Amino acid sequence: MTTLSGGNGAGKSTTMAAFVTALIPDLTLLHFRNTTEAGATSGSRDKGLHGKLRAGVCYSVLDVINSRHQRVVVGVRLQQVAGRDRKVDIKPFAIQGLPTSILPIQLLTETLNDRQARVVSFNELKDKLEAMEGGPV
């Protein structure tokens, strides 16, 4: 059993939304709304998944070993759709054959300096995997 605890605003609901987003195979069924702030006014409530994302690319991934003892990284790329009111593009992907020495964060980010990193685009992720021959995306 795993527990997730923290104070108000710590990110518990956002973390669970990220897990659900990565796990549900039919992403058309996803609908996020803020159910934790019962006393919040409508102006202070967040705007669902769109309200949780900043501009740019975001990933939600799970790194698992399947029943055949193979490592599989499954996830989704989330990105706000420019010019569309509160729309989020959700693209599922899976990476197979990734060496255990490589952490998902090494694939999904580029280190800029000791204190900063940037999230790579989906095309940059594909390029990294092709260069490593890590597997299909």
C-alpha atoms as a PDB file:
ATOM      1  CA  MET A   1       0.000   0.000   0.000  1.00  0.00           C
ATOM      2  CA  THR A   2       1.216   3.488  -0.835  1.00  0.00           C
ATOM      3  CA  THR A   3      -0.056   6.701   0.709  1.00  0.00           C
ATOM      4  CA  LEU A   4       0.106  10.210  -0.648  1.00  0.00           C
ATOM      5  CA  SER A   5      -0.090  12.945   1.951  1.00  0.00           C
ATOM      6  CA  GLY A   6       0.632  16.625   2.157  1.00  0.00           C
ATOM      7  CA  GLY A   7      -0.816  19.970   3.067  1.00  0.00           C
ATOM      8  CA  ASN A   8      -3.253  22.039   1.043  1.00  0.00           C
ATOM      9  CA  GLY A   9      -1.755  22.950  -2.322  1.00  0.00           C
ATOM     10  CA  ALA A  10       1.037  20.355  -2.087  1.00  0.00           C
ATOM     11  CA  GLY A  11      -0.020  18.702  -5.361  1.00  0.00           C
ATOM     12  CA  LYS A  12      -1.737  15.502  -4.204  1.00  0.00           C
ATOM     13  CA  SER A  13      -4.678  15.823  -6.613  1.00  0.00           C
ATOM     14  CA  THR A  14      -2.413  16.909  -9.464  1.00  0.00           C
ATOM     15  CA  THR A  15      -0.166  13.887  -8.870  1.00  0.00           C
ATOM     16  CA  MET A  16      -3.144  11.525  -8.908  1.00  0.00           C
ATOM     17  CA  ALA A  17      -4.465  13.183 -12.094  1.00  0.00           C
ATOM     18  CA  ALA A  18      -1.058  12.531 -13.698  1.00  0.00           C
ATOM     19  CA  PHE A  19      -1.219   8.838 -12.747  1.00  0.00           C
ATOM     20  CA  VAL A  20      -4.761   8.499 -14.074  1.00  0.00           C
ATOM     21  CA  THR A  21      -3.805  10.272 -17.298  1.00  0.00           C
ATOM     22  CA  ALA A  22      -0.958   7.816 -17.886  1.00  0.00           C
ATOM     23  CA  LEU A  23      -3.034   4.741 -17.024  1.00  0.00           C
ATOM     24  CA  ILE A  24      -6.384   5.173 -18.794  1.00  0.00           C
ATOM     25  CA  PRO A  25      -6.200   3.694 -22.312  1.00  0.00           C
ATOM     26  CA  ASP A  26      -9.202   5.618 -23.690  1.00  0.00           C
ATOM     27  CA  LEU A  27      -8.179   9.217 -23.090  1.00  0.00           C
ATOM     28  CA  THR A  28     -11.483  10.558 -24.433  1.00  0.00           C
ATOM     29  CA  LEU A  29     -13.008   9.540 -21.094  1.00  0.00           C
ATOM     30  CA  LEU A  30     -10.848  11.941 -19.081  1.00  0.00           C
ATOM     31  CA  HIS A  31     -12.518  14.896 -17.429  1.00  0.00           C
ATOM     32  CA  PHE A  32     -10.749  16.727 -14.625  1.00  0.00           C
ATOM     33  CA  ARG A  33     -12.451  19.062 -12.231  1.00  0.00           C
ATOM     34  CA  ASN A  34     -11.434  20.334  -8.861  1.00  0.00           C
ATOM     35  CA  THR A  35     -13.362  18.357  -6.251  1.00  0.00           C
ATOM     36  CA  THR A  36     -11.108  19.090  -3.281  1.00  0.00           C
ATOM     37  CA  GLU A  37     -11.969  22.747  -2.718  1.00  0.00           C
ATOM     38  CA  ALA A  38     -15.597  22.500  -1.615  1.00  0.00           C
ATOM     39  CA  GLY A  39     -15.614  25.978  -0.143  1.00  0.00           C
ATOM     40  CA  ALA A  40     -13.839  27.674  -3.033  1.00  0.00           C
ATOM     41  CA  THR A  41     -15.617  30.334  -5.033  1.00  0.00           C
ATOM     42  CA  SER A  42     -16.044  29.687  -8.736  1.00  0.00           C
ATOM     43  CA  GLY A  43     -13.445  32.329  -9.523  1.00  0.00           C
ATOM     44  CA  SER A  44     -10.791  30.619  -7.421  1.00  0.00           C
ATOM     45  CA  ARG A  45     -11.431  27.055  -8.606  1.00  0.00           C
ATOM     46  CA  ASP A  46      -8.931  25.675 -11.056  1.00  0.00           C
ATOM     47  CA  LYS A  47      -9.860  25.034 -14.662  1.00  0.00           C
ATOM     48  CA  GLY A  48      -9.480  21.252 -14.827  1.00  0.00           C
ATOM     49  CA  LEU A  49      -6.457  19.718 -16.520  1.00  0.00           C
ATOM     50  CA  HIS A  50      -5.888  22.816 -18.687  1.00  0.00           C
ATOM     51  CA  GLY A  51      -5.620  24.917 -15.540  1.00  0.00           C
ATOM     52  CA  LYS A  52      -2.932  22.616 -14.153  1.00  0.00           C
ATOM     53  CA  LEU A  53      -0.621  22.952 -17.173  1.00  0.00           C
ATOM     54  CA  ARG A  54       1.725  25.756 -18.015  1.00  0.00           C
ATOM     55  CA  ALA A  55       2.494  26.655 -21.607  1.00  0.00           C
ATOM     56  CA  GLY A  56       4.772  24.126 -23.269  1.00  0.00           C
ATOM     57  CA  VAL A  57       5.142  20.368 -23.072  1.00  0.00           C
ATOM     58  CA  CYS A  58       4.409  18.218 -20.023  1.00  0.00           C
ATOM     59  CA  TYR A  59       4.812  14.458 -19.598  1.00  0.00           C
ATOM     60  CA  SER A  60       3.226  11.951 -17.243  1.00  0.00           C
ATOM     61  CA  VAL A  61       5.045   8.596 -17.293  1.00  0.00           C
ATOM     62  CA  LEU A  62       5.102   5.282 -15.468  1.00  0.00           C
ATOM     63  CA  ASP A  63       8.274   3.174 -15.499  1.00  0.00           C
ATOM     64  CA  VAL A  64       7.283  -0.478 -15.017  1.00  0.00           C
ATOM     65  CA  ILE A  65       8.571  -4.025 -15.331  1.00  0.00           C
ATOM     66  CA  ASN A  66       5.912  -6.184 -16.991  1.00  0.00           C
ATOM     67  CA  SER A  67       5.088  -9.837 -16.267  1.00  0.00           C
ATOM     68  CA  ARG A  68       7.740 -10.900 -18.804  1.00  0.00           C
ATOM     69  CA  HIS A  69      10.368  -8.975 -16.809  1.00  0.00           C
ATOM     70  CA  GLN A  70      10.695  -6.348 -19.565  1.00  0.00           C
ATOM     71  CA  ARG A  71      11.047  -2.669 -18.761  1.00  0.00           C
ATOM     72  CA  VAL A  72       8.371  -0.508 -20.350  1.00  0.00           C
ATOM     73  CA  VAL A  73       7.976   3.240 -19.914  1.00  0.00           C
ATOM     74  CA  VAL A  74       4.404   4.267 -20.718  1.00  0.00           C
ATOM     75  CA  GLY A  75       3.030   7.749 -20.614  1.00  0.00           C
ATOM     76  CA  VAL A  76       1.364  10.673 -22.247  1.00  0.00           C
ATOM     77  CA  ARG A  77       2.557  13.970 -23.615  1.00  0.00           C
ATOM     78  CA  LEU A  78       0.276  16.814 -22.578  1.00  0.00           C
ATOM     79  CA  GLN A  79       0.308  20.183 -24.270  1.00  0.00           C
ATOM     80  CA  GLN A  80      -2.048  23.134 -24.322  1.00  0.00           C
ATOM     81  CA  VAL A  81      -3.478  23.640 -27.800  1.00  0.00           C
ATOM     82  CA  ALA A  82      -2.654  27.147 -29.036  1.00  0.00           C
ATOM     83  CA  GLY A  83      -5.685  29.203 -29.956  1.00  0.00           C
ATOM     84  CA  ARG A  84      -8.148  26.698 -28.454  1.00  0.00           C
ATOM     85  CA  ASP A  85      -9.960  27.601 -25.272  1.00  0.00           C
ATOM     86  CA  ARG A  86      -8.953  25.175 -22.517  1.00  0.00           C
ATOM     87  CA  LYS A  87      -8.003  22.336 -24.859  1.00  0.00           C
ATOM     88  CA  VAL A  88      -5.181  19.927 -24.066  1.00  0.00           C
ATOM     89  CA  ASP A  89      -3.594  17.633 -26.651  1.00  0.00           C
ATOM     90  CA  ILE A  90      -2.931  14.232 -25.054  1.00  0.00           C
ATOM     91  CA  LYS A  91      -0.622  11.866 -26.954  1.00  0.00           C
ATOM     92  CA  PRO A  92       0.029   8.408 -25.458  1.00  0.00           C
ATOM     93  CA  PHE A  93       3.363   6.642 -26.000  1.00  0.00           C
ATOM     94  CA  ALA A  94       5.363   3.614 -24.860  1.00  0.00           C
ATOM     95  CA  ILE A  95       9.119   3.018 -24.791  1.00  0.00           C
ATOM     96  CA  GLN A  96      10.427  -0.548 -24.749  1.00  0.00           C
ATOM     97  CA  GLY A  97      13.967  -1.845 -24.398  1.00  0.00           C
ATOM     98  CA  LEU A  98      15.280   1.174 -22.501  1.00  0.00           C
ATOM     99  CA  PRO A  99      18.394   0.267 -20.477  1.00  0.00           C
ATOM    100  CA  THR A 100      17.767   0.327 -16.725  1.00  0.00           C
ATOM    101  CA  SER A 101      20.686   2.727 -16.315  1.00  0.00           C
ATOM    102  CA  ILE A 102      18.666   5.480 -18.027  1.00  0.00           C
ATOM    103  CA  LEU A 103      16.086   7.315 -15.940  1.00  0.00           C
ATOM    104  CA  PRO A 104      12.952   8.706 -17.620  1.00  0.00           C
ATOM    105  CA  ILE A 105      13.881  12.216 -16.479  1.00  0.00           C
ATOM    106  CA  GLN A 106      17.096  11.943 -18.515  1.00  0.00           C
ATOM    107  CA  LEU A 107      14.990  11.391 -21.637  1.00  0.00           C
ATOM    108  CA  LEU A 108      12.309  13.964 -20.915  1.00  0.00           C
ATOM    109  CA  THR A 109      14.535  16.875 -19.934  1.00  0.00           C
ATOM    110  CA  GLU A 110      17.660  18.646 -21.092  1.00  0.00           C
ATOM    111  CA  THR A 111      19.957  19.998 -18.382  1.00  0.00           C
ATOM    112  CA  LEU A 112      20.734  23.666 -18.966  1.00  0.00           C
ATOM    113  CA  ASN A 113      22.979  24.217 -15.928  1.00  0.00           C
ATOM    114  CA  ASP A 114      23.345  23.023 -12.321  1.00  0.00           C
ATOM    115  CA  ARG A 115      19.964  24.458 -11.338  1.00  0.00           C
ATOM    116  CA  GLN A 116      17.886  24.471 -14.510  1.00  0.00           C
ATOM    117  CA  ALA A 117      16.485  22.021 -17.015  1.00  0.00           C
ATOM    118  CA  ARG A 118      13.929  22.249 -19.776  1.00  0.00           C
ATOM    119  CA  VAL A 119      11.344  19.721 -20.894  1.00  0.00           C
ATOM    120  CA  VAL A 120      12.109  18.414 -24.392  1.00  0.00           C
ATOM    121  CA  SER A 121       9.558  18.392 -27.197  1.00  0.00           C
ATOM    122  CA  PHE A 122       8.042  15.117 -28.370  1.00  0.00           C
ATOM    123  CA  ASN A 123      10.174  15.234 -31.542  1.00  0.00           C
ATOM    124  CA  GLU A 124      13.318  15.750 -29.436  1.00  0.00           C
ATOM    125  CA  LEU A 125      12.306  12.741 -27.325  1.00  0.00           C
ATOM    126  CA  LYS A 126      11.957  10.652 -30.493  1.00  0.00           C
ATOM    127  CA  ASP A 127      15.376  11.848 -31.690  1.00  0.00           C
ATOM    128  CA  LYS A 128      16.991  10.901 -28.360  1.00  0.00           C
ATOM    129  CA  LEU A 129      15.490   7.415 -28.532  1.00  0.00           C
ATOM    130  CA  GLU A 130      16.516   6.886 -32.151  1.00  0.00           C
ATOM    131  CA  ALA A 131      20.070   7.948 -31.293  1.00  0.00           C
ATOM    132  CA  MET A 132      20.089   5.431 -28.423  1.00  0.00           C
ATOM    133  CA  GLU A 133      18.139   2.777 -30.301  1.00  0.00           C
ATOM    134  CA  GLY A 134      15.978   2.616 -27.184  1.00  0.00           C
ATOM    135  CA  GLY A 135      12.828   1.496 -28.892  1.00  0.00           C
ATOM    136  CA  PRO A 136       9.745   2.770 -30.631  1.00  0.00           C
ATOM    137  CA  VAL A 137       7.749   5.733 -29.368  1.00  0.00           C
END
